[in-house]
Amino acid sequence: MQFDSNGLRLQSIAGNSGKAFKGLRSDGTPVFVKYEMPPIVPALAREQITPPVLATNREVGVGQRVEQEWLDGRTLSRADMGKKQVRQILVRMHFSKRLLNQALQLNYTYHGPKDLVLKWQEDAPNRLRQNSYLQSVCKDLLDHLPTYHQEVATFVHGDLHHKNWVETSSGLVYLTDWETACLTDRMLDVAYLLTHYIPRSAWAEWLKEYGYKYNATVLSKVFWYGQLGYLNQITKHIESYDLEAANKEIYALRLFRQQFNKDL
């Protein structure tokens, strides 16, 4: 237990690199406290996409600090990811012009498909940069870039893993952890959700409810961005020193490519 500059009693939350805490105010009110929180979070809270923000400030040496409501609830399970609330939050985020403008004011920059692959190659740990199969996937992605128009790019989360979603005891669903957010084709989020959580037989209905047509053009983009989603998740597992999970993700990527190539 430690105290911050505002007198909050802070208890570290495991798995957050020492940046996230459960805080207790002097009146006994619990709050969620996180340091180095992206500055877009208050705007996301106003859109009811992430939990309400109670206070923000910038501290010398630690950057932006955000206090949010402490939520009594749970993280979503894999089976929960097909919930209507999840899709509704993505629609609200991806189609919000106000959120896009706020992101631009905060110096978020646009990333085209090529930028996303090159960034993965640049940021990936050495173990992955030296993996010949993953590099062959990157080459294939670069050789078959999807159509991209910056004027329809949106604000995307970039890591829709089910553990980044929370459901409160009252049934409200929120999305958290915004370090990977960027401005790009919203298919980056959509393809990750489809390939990791939604049964193939349900894709047509899900895409229709979201707002996409179900046709060869859309499916080809799901295939391209779905592969990138696997690559990003592999990196997450390696950075968390979970080699077993990374290997499972690589295997899942192989199966996805084999099966989807049959379907296209």
Protein backbone atom coordinates (compact mmCIF):
# COMPACT_ATOMS: atom_id res chain seq x y z
CA MET A 1 0.00 0.00 0.00
CA GLN A 2 1.30 3.48 -0.84
CA PHE A 3 0.01 7.05 -0.98
CA ASP A 4 0.04 9.35 -3.99
CA SER A 5 0.39 13.12 -4.10
CA ASN A 6 -3.36 13.55 -3.68
CA GLY A 7 -3.57 11.43 -0.57
CA LEU A 8 -5.11 8.40 -2.24
CA ARG A 9 -4.19 5.03 -0.81
CA LEU A 10 -2.99 2.98 -3.78
CA GLN A 11 -2.85 -0.77 -4.15
CA SER A 12 -1.06 -2.10 -7.25
CA ILE A 13 -3.11 -4.19 -9.68
CA ALA A 14 -1.22 -7.25 -10.91
CA GLY A 15 -0.39 -7.51 -14.60
CA ASN A 16 -0.31 -3.80 -15.40
CA SER A 17 3.45 -3.09 -15.27
CA GLY A 18 3.10 -1.05 -12.10
CA LYS A 19 0.94 1.58 -13.82
CA ALA A 20 -2.54 0.60 -12.58
CA PHE A 21 -3.87 0.82 -9.02
CA LYS A 22 -6.97 0.50 -6.96
CA GLY A 23 -7.20 3.79 -5.12
CA LEU A 24 -9.10 4.52 -1.94
CA ARG A 25 -10.18 8.09 -1.24
CA SER A 26 -10.37 9.53 2.27
CA ASP A 27 -14.14 9.01 2.32
CA GLY A 28 -13.71 5.33 1.46
CA THR A 29 -14.69 5.62 -2.21
CA PRO A 30 -12.71 3.21 -4.42
CA VAL A 31 -11.37 4.45 -7.77
CA PHE A 32 -9.32 3.00 -10.60
CA VAL A 33 -6.05 4.91 -11.07
CA LYS A 34 -3.73 4.52 -14.03
CA TYR A 35 -0.56 6.38 -14.94
CA GLU A 36 0.54 7.07 -18.54
CA MET A 37 -3.06 6.80 -19.65
CA PRO A 38 -3.52 7.97 -23.27
CA PRO A 39 -5.04 11.49 -23.32
CA ILE A 40 -7.91 10.30 -25.56
CA VAL A 41 -9.50 8.44 -22.61
CA PRO A 42 -11.68 11.35 -21.34
CA ALA A 43 -13.17 11.72 -24.84
CA LEU A 44 -13.87 7.98 -24.92
CA ALA A 45 -15.56 8.22 -21.54
CA ARG A 46 -17.81 11.02 -22.82
CA GLU A 47 -18.88 8.66 -25.62
CA GLN A 48 -19.63 5.98 -22.99
CA ILE A 49 -17.13 3.64 -24.59
CA THR A 50 -14.77 3.42 -21.61
CA PRO A 51 -15.60 3.87 -17.88
CA PRO A 52 -16.43 7.39 -16.60
CA VAL A 53 -13.44 9.61 -15.79
CA LEU A 54 -13.49 11.30 -12.39
CA ALA A 55 -10.26 13.29 -12.57
CA THR A 56 -7.17 13.79 -14.74
CA ASN A 57 -3.84 15.44 -14.14
CA ARG A 58 -0.30 15.35 -15.43
CA GLU A 59 2.45 14.57 -12.94
CA VAL A 60 6.12 15.32 -13.54
CA GLY A 61 7.99 12.13 -14.41
CA VAL A 62 4.93 9.88 -14.74
CA GLY A 63 2.81 11.59 -17.38
CA GLN A 64 -0.97 11.61 -17.58
CA ARG A 65 -2.80 10.17 -14.58
CA VAL A 66 -6.49 9.28 -14.81
CA GLU A 67 -8.97 8.36 -12.10
CA GLN A 68 -12.00 6.38 -13.24
CA GLU A 69 -14.97 4.85 -11.51
CA TRP A 70 -14.15 1.55 -9.83
CA LEU A 71 -16.37 -1.00 -11.53
CA ASP A 72 -17.87 -3.96 -9.71
CA GLY A 73 -18.09 -6.57 -12.39
CA ARG A 74 -15.97 -8.91 -14.50
CA THR A 75 -13.97 -9.13 -17.69
CA LEU A 76 -15.77 -10.67 -20.64
CA SER A 77 -15.22 -14.30 -21.55
CA ARG A 78 -14.61 -15.53 -25.08
CA ALA A 79 -18.25 -16.58 -25.29
CA ASP A 80 -19.38 -13.04 -24.37
CA MET A 81 -17.75 -11.43 -27.40
CA GLY A 82 -20.75 -12.06 -29.61
CA LYS A 83 -22.92 -9.86 -27.38
CA LYS A 84 -24.90 -7.08 -28.98
CA GLN A 85 -23.32 -4.51 -26.62
CA VAL A 86 -19.84 -5.32 -27.95
CA ARG A 87 -20.91 -4.64 -31.53
CA GLN A 88 -22.75 -1.48 -30.48
CA ILE A 89 -19.63 -0.09 -28.80
CA LEU A 90 -17.57 -0.72 -31.93
CA VAL A 91 -20.16 1.05 -34.07
CA ARG A 92 -20.23 4.00 -31.66
CA MET A 93 -16.43 4.25 -31.69
CA HIS A 94 -15.83 3.68 -35.39
CA PHE A 95 -18.49 6.09 -36.62
CA SER A 96 -17.89 8.95 -34.16
CA LYS A 97 -16.69 12.04 -36.03
CA ARG A 98 -16.26 13.83 -32.73
CA LEU A 99 -13.90 11.12 -31.48
CA LEU A 100 -11.95 11.16 -34.74
CA ASN A 101 -11.51 14.94 -34.55
CA GLN A 102 -10.42 14.72 -30.91
CA ALA A 103 -7.82 12.11 -31.84
CA LEU A 104 -6.46 14.33 -34.61
CA GLN A 105 -6.20 17.23 -32.15
CA LEU A 106 -4.17 14.94 -29.88
CA ASN A 107 -1.74 14.23 -32.74
CA TYR A 108 -2.88 10.73 -33.61
CA THR A 109 -1.75 10.03 -37.16
CA TYR A 110 -3.24 7.94 -39.95
CA HIS A 111 -1.84 4.48 -40.62
CA GLY A 112 -2.48 2.76 -43.93
CA PRO A 113 -2.22 -1.02 -44.34
CA LYS A 114 1.42 -0.85 -45.39
CA ASP A 115 2.24 1.33 -42.37
CA LEU A 116 0.66 -1.23 -40.03
CA VAL A 117 2.74 -4.11 -41.39
CA LEU A 118 5.99 -2.15 -41.38
CA LYS A 119 5.28 -1.01 -37.81
CA TRP A 120 4.76 -4.61 -36.75
CA GLN A 121 8.07 -5.61 -38.33
CA GLU A 122 9.84 -2.69 -36.68
CA ASP A 123 8.36 -3.18 -33.19
CA ALA A 124 8.27 -6.99 -33.00
CA PRO A 125 10.68 -8.68 -30.58
CA ASN A 126 13.78 -10.28 -32.15
CA ARG A 127 12.29 -13.75 -31.72
CA LEU A 128 9.46 -12.79 -34.09
CA ARG A 129 11.57 -10.78 -36.52
CA GLN A 130 13.70 -13.90 -36.99
CA ASN A 131 10.72 -16.20 -37.50
CA SER A 132 10.74 -17.08 -41.20
CA TYR A 133 7.06 -18.07 -41.28
CA LEU A 134 5.85 -14.81 -39.74
CA GLN A 135 8.10 -12.81 -42.05
CA SER A 136 6.63 -14.71 -45.02
CA VAL A 137 3.17 -13.68 -43.79
CA CYS A 138 4.32 -10.06 -43.67
CA LYS A 139 5.71 -10.29 -47.19
CA ASP A 140 2.43 -11.72 -48.42
CA LEU A 141 0.50 -8.92 -46.74
CA LEU A 142 2.76 -6.29 -48.29
CA ASP A 143 2.38 -7.92 -51.71
CA HIS A 144 -1.42 -7.86 -51.47
CA LEU A 145 -2.32 -4.58 -49.79
CA PRO A 146 -6.06 -3.91 -49.52
CA THR A 147 -7.72 -0.77 -50.83
CA TYR A 148 -7.42 2.04 -48.31
CA HIS A 149 -8.86 5.55 -48.35
CA GLN A 150 -7.67 7.86 -45.60
CA GLU A 151 -10.81 9.97 -45.77
CA VAL A 152 -12.88 7.07 -44.40
CA ALA A 153 -10.34 5.95 -41.79
CA THR A 154 -11.62 5.90 -38.22
CA PHE A 155 -10.46 5.72 -34.63
CA VAL A 156 -9.82 2.06 -33.80
CA HIS A 157 -8.81 0.27 -30.61
CA GLY A 158 -6.30 -2.16 -32.07
CA ASP A 159 -6.49 -4.91 -29.41
CA LEU A 160 -10.00 -6.22 -28.80
CA HIS A 161 -8.89 -9.18 -26.68
CA HIS A 162 -11.75 -10.25 -24.42
CA LYS A 163 -9.77 -9.32 -21.30
CA ASN A 164 -9.88 -5.67 -22.41
CA TRP A 165 -13.67 -5.65 -22.03
CA VAL A 166 -15.50 -5.31 -18.72
CA GLU A 167 -19.14 -5.79 -17.78
CA THR A 168 -20.43 -4.09 -14.65
CA SER A 169 -22.75 -5.76 -12.16
CA SER A 170 -25.55 -3.60 -13.64
CA GLY A 171 -24.90 -4.97 -17.15
CA LEU A 172 -23.00 -2.06 -18.74
CA VAL A 173 -20.16 -3.06 -21.06
CA TYR A 174 -16.99 -0.97 -21.49
CA LEU A 175 -13.78 -1.25 -23.51
CA THR A 176 -10.46 -0.50 -21.76
CA ASP A 177 -6.69 -0.31 -22.44
CA TRP A 178 -6.09 2.21 -25.24
CA GLU A 179 -2.32 2.03 -25.79
CA THR A 180 -2.74 0.44 -29.23
CA ALA A 181 -5.37 2.85 -30.56
CA CYS A 182 -4.74 4.51 -33.91
CA LEU A 183 -6.46 5.98 -36.97
CA THR A 184 -6.89 3.42 -39.73
CA ASP A 185 -9.42 1.19 -41.50
CA ARG A 186 -11.99 0.01 -38.96
CA MET A 187 -11.61 -3.47 -40.42
CA LEU A 188 -8.55 -3.84 -38.17
CA ASP A 189 -10.93 -4.16 -35.20
CA VAL A 190 -13.72 -5.94 -37.04
CA ALA A 191 -11.47 -8.66 -38.51
CA TYR A 192 -9.85 -9.35 -35.14
CA LEU A 193 -13.22 -9.83 -33.49
CA LEU A 194 -14.52 -12.07 -36.27
CA THR A 195 -11.44 -14.27 -36.54
CA HIS A 196 -10.95 -14.72 -32.80
CA TYR A 197 -14.48 -14.90 -31.42
CA ILE A 198 -17.31 -15.16 -33.94
CA PRO A 199 -18.12 -18.54 -35.56
CA ARG A 200 -17.59 -18.50 -39.32
CA SER A 201 -21.25 -19.39 -39.83
CA ALA A 202 -22.28 -16.19 -38.02
CA TRP A 203 -20.06 -13.74 -39.93
CA ALA A 204 -22.70 -12.74 -42.48
CA GLU A 205 -25.23 -11.79 -39.81
CA TRP A 206 -22.62 -10.02 -37.64
CA LEU A 207 -21.30 -7.95 -40.55
CA LYS A 208 -24.80 -7.01 -41.64
CA GLU A 209 -25.73 -5.87 -38.12
CA TYR A 210 -22.51 -3.87 -37.91
CA GLY A 211 -23.08 -2.15 -41.25
CA TYR A 212 -20.96 -4.03 -43.79
CA LYS A 213 -22.15 -5.81 -46.87
CA TYR A 214 -21.31 -9.51 -46.98
CA ASN A 215 -19.43 -9.95 -50.24
CA ALA A 216 -16.07 -10.98 -51.67
CA THR A 217 -14.57 -7.50 -51.25
CA VAL A 218 -15.37 -7.38 -47.53
CA LEU A 219 -14.23 -10.97 -46.97
CA SER A 220 -10.89 -10.29 -48.66
CA LYS A 221 -10.33 -7.40 -46.24
CA VAL A 222 -11.29 -9.64 -43.31
CA PHE A 223 -8.64 -12.09 -44.55
CA TRP A 224 -5.95 -9.41 -44.81
CA TYR A 225 -6.65 -7.60 -41.53
CA GLY A 226 -7.38 -10.88 -39.75
CA GLN A 227 -3.80 -12.00 -40.39
CA LEU A 228 -2.50 -8.72 -39.02
CA GLY A 229 -4.65 -9.26 -35.93
CA TYR A 230 -2.99 -12.61 -35.34
CA LEU A 231 0.45 -11.03 -35.74
CA ASN A 232 -0.38 -8.32 -33.20
CA GLN A 233 -1.68 -10.88 -30.70
CA ILE A 234 1.43 -13.01 -31.10
CA THR A 235 3.52 -9.98 -30.19
CA LYS A 236 1.36 -9.37 -27.10
CA HIS A 237 1.93 -12.92 -25.89
CA ILE A 238 5.69 -12.74 -26.46
CA GLU A 239 5.89 -9.44 -24.59
CA SER A 240 4.00 -11.09 -21.71
CA TYR A 241 6.50 -14.01 -21.76
CA ASP A 242 3.70 -16.43 -22.61
CA LEU A 243 5.44 -18.58 -25.22
CA GLU A 244 2.77 -21.28 -25.14
CA ALA A 245 0.01 -18.78 -25.98
CA ALA A 246 2.17 -17.26 -28.74
CA ASN A 247 2.72 -20.68 -30.32
CA LYS A 248 -1.03 -21.40 -30.17
CA GLU A 249 -1.67 -18.09 -31.92
CA ILE A 250 0.86 -18.93 -34.64
CA TYR A 251 -0.85 -22.28 -35.15
CA ALA A 252 -4.24 -20.55 -35.32
CA LEU A 253 -2.81 -18.14 -37.93
CA ARG A 254 -1.67 -21.09 -40.06
CA LEU A 255 -5.11 -22.69 -39.88
CA PHE A 256 -6.83 -19.40 -40.68
CA ARG A 257 -4.70 -18.84 -43.77
CA GLN A 258 -5.21 -22.40 -44.99
CA GLN A 259 -8.96 -22.38 -44.49
CA PHE A 260 -9.58 -18.89 -45.80
CA ASN A 261 -7.55 -19.51 -48.95
CA LYS A 262 -9.93 -22.39 -49.65
CA ASP A 263 -12.94 -20.14 -49.20
CA LEU A 264 -11.76 -17.23 -51.34
